[in-house]
Protein backbone atom coordinates (compact mmCIF):
# COMPACT_ATOMS: atom_id res chain seq x y z
CA MET A 1 44.19 9.43 21.60
CA ARG A 2 43.85 6.05 22.77
CA SER A 3 40.48 7.46 24.65
CA ASN A 4 39.02 8.28 21.25
CA LEU A 5 40.15 5.19 19.54
CA LEU A 6 38.29 3.35 22.47
CA LYS A 7 34.99 5.56 22.23
CA THR A 8 35.39 4.93 18.19
CA ILE A 9 35.35 1.21 18.96
CA VAL A 10 32.42 1.32 21.68
CA ALA A 11 30.38 3.25 19.31
CA ILE A 12 30.71 1.09 16.28
CA SER A 13 30.24 -2.02 18.82
CA SER A 14 27.06 -0.40 19.98
CA ALA A 15 25.74 0.32 16.41
CA SER A 16 26.42 -3.23 15.60
CA VAL A 17 24.38 -4.42 18.34
CA ALA A 18 21.73 -1.86 17.92
CA ALA A 19 21.36 -2.97 14.12
CA ALA A 20 20.95 -6.53 14.84
CA ALA A 21 17.26 -7.65 14.26
CA THR A 22 15.28 -8.65 17.38
CA VAL A 23 12.01 -9.66 15.35
CA CYS A 24 12.18 -11.44 12.14
CA ASN A 25 9.11 -11.91 9.95
CA GLY A 26 6.84 -11.21 13.40
CA TYR A 27 8.80 -13.57 15.52
CA ALA A 28 11.88 -13.30 17.74
CA GLU A 29 12.25 -16.86 17.38
CA LEU A 30 12.96 -16.65 13.53
CA CYS A 31 15.84 -14.59 13.52
CA SER A 32 18.33 -17.36 13.96
CA LYS A 33 16.78 -19.60 11.63
CA PRO A 34 17.82 -20.25 8.20
CA TYR A 35 15.75 -18.85 5.40
CA SER A 36 15.44 -22.19 3.98
CA SER A 37 14.04 -23.71 7.35
CA VAL A 38 11.20 -20.91 7.59
CA SER A 39 8.06 -21.98 5.96
CA VAL A 40 6.00 -19.35 4.55
CA VAL A 41 2.60 -18.91 2.88
CA GLY A 42 2.37 -18.14 -0.63
CA ALA A 43 0.12 -16.29 -2.90
CA HIS A 44 -0.70 -18.41 -6.30
CA ASN A 45 -0.97 -16.06 -9.03
CA SER A 46 -0.58 -12.98 -6.59
CA TYR A 47 -1.35 -10.38 -9.33
CA THR A 48 -4.86 -12.11 -10.15
CA ASN A 49 -7.19 -10.71 -7.56
CA SER A 50 -11.10 -10.69 -8.15
CA PRO A 51 -13.85 -12.21 -6.22
CA THR A 52 -16.02 -13.20 -9.45
CA ASN A 53 -13.45 -13.24 -12.18
CA LEU A 54 -12.63 -16.95 -13.02
CA ALA A 55 -9.40 -15.79 -14.02
CA ALA A 56 -8.30 -14.95 -10.75
CA ASN A 57 -6.77 -17.01 -7.65
CA GLN A 58 -7.00 -14.32 -5.01
CA ASP A 59 -9.76 -11.98 -3.68
CA TYR A 60 -7.21 -8.98 -2.94
CA ASP A 61 -4.07 -7.37 -4.36
CA VAL A 62 -0.49 -7.67 -3.27
CA THR A 63 -0.61 -4.73 -0.76
CA GLN A 64 -3.43 -6.43 1.16
CA GLN A 65 -1.68 -9.91 0.89
CA LEU A 66 1.48 -8.81 2.33
CA LYS A 67 -0.43 -7.05 5.08
CA ASP A 68 -2.33 -10.20 5.91
CA GLY A 69 0.77 -12.39 6.26
CA ILE A 70 1.68 -13.61 2.74
CA ARG A 71 5.45 -13.86 2.27
CA LEU A 72 5.97 -15.64 -1.24
CA LEU A 73 4.41 -13.85 -4.50
CA GLN A 74 4.20 -16.10 -7.37
CA ASN A 75 3.50 -14.20 -10.41
CA GLN A 76 3.44 -15.19 -14.21
CA VAL A 77 5.27 -12.66 -16.66
CA HIS A 78 4.55 -12.21 -20.32
CA LEU A 79 6.09 -10.19 -22.88
CA ASN A 80 3.20 -7.92 -24.24
CA ASN A 81 3.89 -5.15 -26.79
CA GLY A 82 7.32 -5.11 -25.61
CA VAL A 83 6.56 -4.52 -21.98
CA LEU A 84 6.70 -7.14 -19.20
CA GLN A 85 3.37 -7.84 -17.84
CA LEU A 86 1.69 -10.44 -15.39
CA CYS A 87 -0.87 -12.12 -17.55
CA HIS A 88 -1.92 -15.87 -17.94
CA THR A 89 -1.67 -17.78 -21.30
CA SER A 90 -2.52 -14.63 -22.87
CA CYS A 91 -2.72 -10.66 -21.78
CA GLN A 92 -6.00 -10.61 -23.55
CA LEU A 93 -7.42 -13.22 -21.06
CA TYR A 94 -6.24 -11.53 -18.02
CA ASN A 95 -3.97 -8.55 -17.80
CA GLY A 96 -2.75 -8.00 -14.19
CA GLY A 97 -0.86 -5.04 -15.40
CA THR A 98 3.05 -4.08 -15.44
CA LEU A 99 5.43 -6.12 -13.38
CA GLN A 100 6.65 -2.66 -12.27
CA ASP A 101 3.80 -1.23 -11.12
CA TYR A 102 3.37 -4.52 -9.05
CA LEU A 103 6.86 -4.24 -7.67
CA VAL A 104 6.42 -0.66 -6.86
CA LYS A 105 3.62 -1.83 -4.26
CA VAL A 106 5.96 -4.56 -2.90
CA LYS A 107 8.97 -1.91 -2.57
CA THR A 108 6.56 0.45 -0.69
CA PHE A 109 5.69 -2.37 1.79
CA MET A 110 9.38 -3.33 2.40
CA ASP A 111 10.12 0.30 3.03
CA SER A 112 7.30 0.35 5.84
CA ASN A 113 8.28 -3.07 7.13
CA PRO A 114 12.03 -3.34 7.54
CA ASN A 115 11.84 -6.59 9.46
CA GLU A 116 10.20 -8.45 7.17
CA VAL A 117 11.83 -11.03 4.71
CA LEU A 118 10.04 -11.59 1.39
CA THR A 119 10.56 -13.96 -1.58
CA ILE A 120 9.08 -13.41 -4.92
CA LEU A 121 8.82 -16.53 -7.70
CA LEU A 122 8.74 -15.24 -11.36
CA VAL A 123 7.29 -17.69 -14.01
CA ASN A 124 9.14 -16.31 -17.21
CA ILE A 125 6.79 -17.50 -19.50
CA ASP A 126 8.10 -15.98 -22.69
CA ASN A 127 11.74 -16.69 -21.52
CA GLN A 128 12.86 -13.28 -21.33
CA PRO A 129 16.56 -12.61 -20.17
CA ALA A 130 17.26 -11.89 -16.70
CA ALA A 131 18.69 -8.37 -17.83
CA SER A 132 15.30 -7.56 -18.71
CA PHE A 133 13.85 -8.02 -15.04
CA ASP A 134 17.02 -6.42 -13.72
CA THR A 135 16.17 -3.17 -15.43
CA ILE A 136 12.72 -3.17 -13.73
CA TYR A 137 14.06 -4.07 -10.38
CA LYS A 138 16.67 -1.11 -10.72
CA ALA A 139 13.72 0.88 -11.77
CA VAL A 140 11.82 0.24 -8.67
CA GLY A 141 14.82 0.22 -6.33
CA LEU A 142 14.21 -3.65 -5.26
CA ASP A 143 17.96 -4.71 -6.64
CA LYS A 144 19.43 -2.87 -3.41
CA LEU A 145 17.03 -4.88 -1.45
CA SER A 146 17.87 -8.09 -2.93
CA TYR A 147 19.85 -10.99 -1.41
CA VAL A 148 22.83 -11.99 -3.83
CA PRO A 149 23.96 -15.58 -3.30
CA THR A 150 27.78 -16.25 -3.47
CA ALA A 151 26.96 -19.12 -6.06
CA ALA A 152 23.96 -19.90 -8.25
CA THR A 153 23.20 -22.99 -6.27
CA ILE A 154 22.85 -22.75 -2.58
CA PRO A 155 23.21 -25.59 -0.29
CA THR A 156 20.25 -25.96 1.83
CA GLU A 157 22.28 -25.60 5.05
CA SER A 158 24.18 -22.45 3.46
CA TRP A 159 21.30 -20.09 3.30
CA PRO A 160 21.68 -17.12 5.57
CA THR A 161 19.08 -16.60 8.85
CA LEU A 162 16.32 -14.35 8.63
CA GLY A 163 18.21 -12.06 11.17
CA SER A 164 21.21 -11.61 9.07
CA LEU A 165 19.31 -10.87 5.71
CA ILE A 166 17.40 -8.11 7.60
CA ASP A 167 20.46 -6.91 9.28
CA ALA A 168 22.06 -6.58 5.82
CA ASP A 169 19.02 -5.05 4.25
CA THR A 170 18.95 -7.76 1.77
CA ARG A 171 15.41 -8.67 2.45
CA LEU A 172 14.25 -9.89 -0.82
CA VAL A 173 15.04 -13.20 -2.56
CA THR A 174 14.07 -13.52 -6.12
CA PHE A 175 13.62 -17.00 -8.12
CA MET A 176 12.99 -17.48 -11.52
CA ASP A 177 11.95 -20.84 -13.48
CA ASN A 178 13.85 -20.33 -16.33
CA THR A 179 16.89 -18.13 -17.88
CA ALA A 180 18.43 -17.07 -14.63
CA ASP A 181 21.75 -15.90 -15.34
CA PHE A 182 24.09 -16.00 -12.24
CA ALA A 183 26.82 -14.33 -14.11
CA THR A 184 25.08 -11.11 -15.21
CA VAL A 185 22.22 -10.68 -12.59
CA PRO A 186 23.16 -12.76 -9.43
CA TYR A 187 20.32 -11.95 -7.38
CA ILE A 188 17.85 -13.57 -9.49
CA ILE A 189 18.35 -17.20 -8.65
CA ASP A 190 17.37 -20.12 -10.41
CA GLU A 191 14.33 -21.74 -9.18
CA PHE A 192 14.65 -25.43 -10.10
CA SER A 193 18.32 -25.66 -9.26
CA ASN A 194 17.45 -24.65 -5.46
CA MET A 195 14.20 -25.98 -4.86
CA TRP A 196 11.74 -28.49 -6.38
CA GLU A 197 7.63 -28.41 -6.41
CA THR A 198 4.83 -30.83 -6.07
CA PRO A 199 2.59 -31.40 -8.81
CA TYR A 200 -0.15 -28.79 -9.52
CA ASP A 201 -3.72 -28.57 -10.78
CA ASP A 202 -4.87 -31.26 -8.23
CA GLN A 203 -8.56 -32.03 -8.51
CA THR A 204 -8.50 -34.97 -6.20
CA GLY A 205 -7.76 -33.62 -3.10
CA ASN A 206 -5.28 -36.13 -1.93
CA PHE A 207 -2.08 -33.91 -2.39
CA PRO A 208 0.42 -36.74 -2.06
CA CYS A 209 3.90 -34.22 -1.83
CA THR A 210 5.37 -36.13 -4.56
CA ILE A 211 8.35 -34.58 -6.21
CA ASP A 212 7.21 -33.13 -9.86
CA ARG A 213 9.62 -30.49 -11.39
CA PHE A 214 13.04 -30.28 -10.19
CA THR A 215 16.78 -30.13 -11.75
CA GLY A 216 19.59 -32.36 -10.65
CA ASN A 217 19.56 -33.89 -7.14
CA THR A 218 16.62 -33.19 -4.77
CA GLU A 219 18.09 -34.47 -1.60
CA GLY A 220 17.27 -32.32 1.37
CA GLN A 221 16.50 -29.19 -1.07
CA MET A 222 14.04 -26.76 -0.11
CA PHE A 223 10.50 -27.51 -1.79
CA LEU A 224 7.20 -25.67 -2.55
CA ILE A 225 4.24 -27.29 -2.44
CA ASN A 226 1.34 -26.22 -4.80
CA HIS A 227 -1.48 -26.70 -2.43
CA TYR A 228 -4.92 -25.52 -4.08
CA LEU A 229 -7.76 -27.64 -5.41
CA TYR A 230 -9.54 -27.53 -8.97
CA THR A 231 -12.70 -28.60 -10.13
CA THR A 232 -14.10 -28.50 -13.74
CA SER A 233 -16.38 -25.93 -15.19
CA ASN A 234 -18.42 -26.10 -18.60
CA LEU A 235 -17.16 -22.82 -20.10
CA PHE A 236 -18.61 -22.21 -23.53
CA GLY A 237 -19.39 -26.10 -23.81
CA GLY A 238 -15.80 -27.10 -22.82
CA SER A 239 -14.90 -28.92 -19.64
CA THR A 240 -12.19 -26.23 -18.17
CA PRO A 241 -10.45 -26.37 -14.48
CA VAL A 242 -11.48 -23.74 -12.13
CA PRO A 243 -10.40 -23.13 -8.24
CA ASP A 244 -12.67 -25.04 -6.14
CA LYS A 245 -13.88 -22.41 -4.01
CA ALA A 246 -16.75 -24.39 -2.39
CA LYS A 247 -14.05 -26.42 -0.87
CA LEU A 248 -11.43 -23.77 0.21
CA ASN A 249 -12.16 -24.16 4.08
CA ILE A 250 -11.08 -27.76 3.40
CA THR A 251 -8.32 -27.20 1.42
CA ASN A 252 -6.83 -24.42 3.32
CA ALA A 253 -7.38 -25.96 6.69
CA VAL A 254 -5.21 -26.74 9.53
CA SER A 255 -6.12 -30.22 9.67
CA GLY A 256 -8.31 -32.88 7.98
CA ALA A 257 -8.47 -34.66 4.69
CA GLY A 258 -7.17 -32.86 1.93
CA SER A 259 -6.07 -29.97 4.22
CA LEU A 260 -2.85 -27.86 4.20
CA GLY A 261 -1.81 -29.17 7.23
CA GLU A 262 -1.98 -32.59 6.35
CA GLU A 263 -0.01 -32.21 3.38
CA THR A 264 2.87 -30.64 5.22
CA GLU A 265 2.80 -33.78 7.48
CA THR A 266 2.93 -35.95 4.27
CA CYS A 267 5.68 -33.89 2.89
CA LYS A 268 7.48 -34.55 6.36
CA SER A 269 7.06 -38.47 6.34
CA ALA A 270 8.14 -38.55 2.84
CA HIS A 271 10.96 -36.11 2.59
CA GLY A 272 12.39 -35.68 6.00
CA ARG A 273 11.38 -32.05 6.12
CA TYR A 274 8.51 -29.40 6.10
CA PRO A 275 8.20 -27.41 2.74
CA THR A 276 9.56 -23.97 2.89
CA PHE A 277 6.95 -22.35 0.55
CA LEU A 278 2.95 -23.20 1.27
CA LEU A 279 1.32 -22.04 -2.09
CA VAL A 280 -2.37 -21.51 -2.07
CA ASP A 281 -5.41 -19.97 -3.66
CA PHE A 282 -7.48 -17.41 -1.74
CA TYR A 283 -5.23 -17.45 1.21
CA ASN A 284 -7.98 -15.36 3.09
CA TYR A 285 -10.65 -18.56 3.40
CA GLY A 286 -10.37 -20.18 6.79
CA GLU A 287 -9.85 -16.95 8.83
CA GLY A 288 -5.97 -17.30 8.79
CA SER A 289 -5.77 -21.24 8.92
CA VAL A 290 -3.09 -20.97 6.28
CA PHE A 291 -0.84 -18.99 8.51
CA GLN A 292 -1.52 -21.05 11.85
CA VAL A 293 -0.38 -23.99 9.39
CA ALA A 294 2.99 -22.25 8.88
CA ALA A 295 3.28 -21.07 12.34
CA THR A 296 3.09 -24.65 13.65
CA LEU A 297 5.56 -25.75 11.09
CA ASN A 298 7.90 -22.83 12.37
CA GLY A 299 7.32 -23.66 16.36
CA VAL A 300 5.95 -20.30 16.73
CA PRO A 301 2.33 -19.52 18.52
CA TYR A 302 0.03 -18.35 15.81
CA ASP A 303 -1.76 -15.15 16.96
CA ALA A 304 -5.36 -16.22 16.39
CA SER A 305 -6.55 -12.45 17.09
CA LYS A 306 -5.22 -11.24 13.95
CA VAL A 307 -7.68 -9.88 11.41
CA ILE A 308 -7.20 -11.43 8.02
CA ALA A 309 -9.16 -10.06 5.07
CA PRO A 310 -12.54 -11.98 4.73
CA PRO A 311 -13.65 -13.31 1.67
CA ASN A 312 -14.77 -10.79 -1.06
CA PRO A 313 -17.74 -10.57 -1.20
CA PRO A 314 -18.30 -12.50 2.02
CA ALA A 315 -20.07 -16.08 1.40
CA SER A 316 -23.40 -16.47 2.85
CA SER A 317 -23.69 -18.10 6.26
CA SER A 318 -25.43 -21.08 4.40
CA GLY A 319 -23.02 -21.34 1.55
CA SER A 320 -20.35 -24.21 1.29
CA ALA A 321 -17.83 -21.52 1.30
CA SER A 322 -18.27 -20.04 4.79
CA THR A 323 -15.67 -18.40 6.84
CA SER A 324 -15.63 -20.87 9.74
CA ARG A 325 -12.24 -22.29 10.22
CA VAL A 326 -11.94 -26.07 9.66
CA THR A 327 -9.93 -27.95 12.22
CA SER A 328 -10.54 -31.32 11.52
CA ARG A 329 1.55 -26.73 -10.87
CA PRO A 330 1.61 -23.06 -10.66
CA ASN A 331 4.06 -22.36 -13.74
CA GLY A 332 2.11 -21.37 -16.59
CA ALA A 333 -1.17 -21.86 -15.06
CA LEU A 334 -4.16 -20.05 -16.37
CA SER A 335 -5.35 -17.79 -13.47
CA GLY A 336 -8.62 -19.00 -12.15
CA LEU A 337 -8.87 -21.27 -15.31
CA ALA A 338 -5.92 -23.00 -14.20
CA MET A 339 -4.97 -24.21 -17.47
CA ASP A 340 -1.36 -25.23 -17.89
CA THR A 341 0.27 -24.53 -20.90
CA SER A 342 2.21 -27.87 -20.69
CA SER A 343 -1.18 -29.61 -20.30
CA ILE A 344 -2.92 -28.02 -23.16
CA VAL A 345 -0.02 -28.94 -25.37
CA GLY A 346 -0.74 -26.28 -27.77
CA SER A 347 -4.55 -26.81 -28.33
CA VAL A 348 -5.41 -23.06 -28.10
CA MET A 349 -8.89 -21.61 -29.39
CA VAL A 350 -9.46 -18.10 -29.43
CA VAL A 351 -13.26 -17.37 -29.14
CA GLY A 352 -13.79 -13.81 -30.46
CA GLY A 353 -16.39 -11.10 -31.36
CA ALA A 354 -19.18 -13.59 -30.84
CA LEU A 355 -18.51 -14.09 -27.22
CA LEU A 356 -17.70 -10.59 -26.42
CA GLY A 357 -14.24 -10.84 -27.03
CA SER A 358 -13.22 -13.37 -24.26
CA PHE A 359 -10.42 -15.57 -24.57
CA LEU A 360 -10.41 -19.25 -23.96
CA VAL A 361 -7.95 -22.02 -23.68
CA ILE A 362 -8.82 -25.56 -24.00
């Protein structure tokens, strides 16, 4: 009897040891780090992918984004004909399909990559209840993979380690910018109670890492930097912000004026810590430079041999958006056109049949 009990204890102990994650988000060194202390690269408007459409902020869909190393997926959700869909300002302008179809792709990746911790940031434009998102998560099966905190607000130092999230198979952390309800759907976490964001729609390239959107005390909180640059385009006779693709290899660079690397150091000087989330446009410009920045912040070596999806279509060698590496406000943003609902203050013009049914927000 005692012998059988001893064998059982040894078996349980061995199983626990075997279950412990040894590699987390690609690095053994990250397993012991709290979630809040690991910097990850995020895809701004992840669902908008097109190399030519102005209403896009990425070249590739979520499957390729995750394959390349994106670990934060930011998406804007609208209620369209009774269905939660991924759109900007209007689903007539850019409709990225249903939230459920998108999440199926995320679930497929997570099932095939059990040592990866992912984050989803939902921009809930139409203020839908958390229960509506819960229904979709359950239909996809992501509720079972979701981290459930013990309280609505998690102190920065109280976040679990990546290793413990992987061991518990609760590898998905979801934030929502409004209507999160801990009492009914505890795994959909209120964004601004737990982090703050820097300004968005930057057209200067200065990226000062100032606190923009927040709730309560930001001292020591995690934060997200909106590191993407815009320029203006005279669409239909109006001046409209669009992604400055010509400067992507500067904006996404490891170092130099206006670079992602420079802003992270600015943040450290100003706030005493590096950002947890680095939100970028067209992450694939720079041949992996954005991931090199994250690796540096995390104190791990960057694998320069990893192949990142190229700009699509590839820029010409003589173009200003070449693929050579330069080392020297997403909420409500109109994908590609980068208009924000708070900045247009309700000034909306719909240009219909005369402009081939296009939708213009000015």
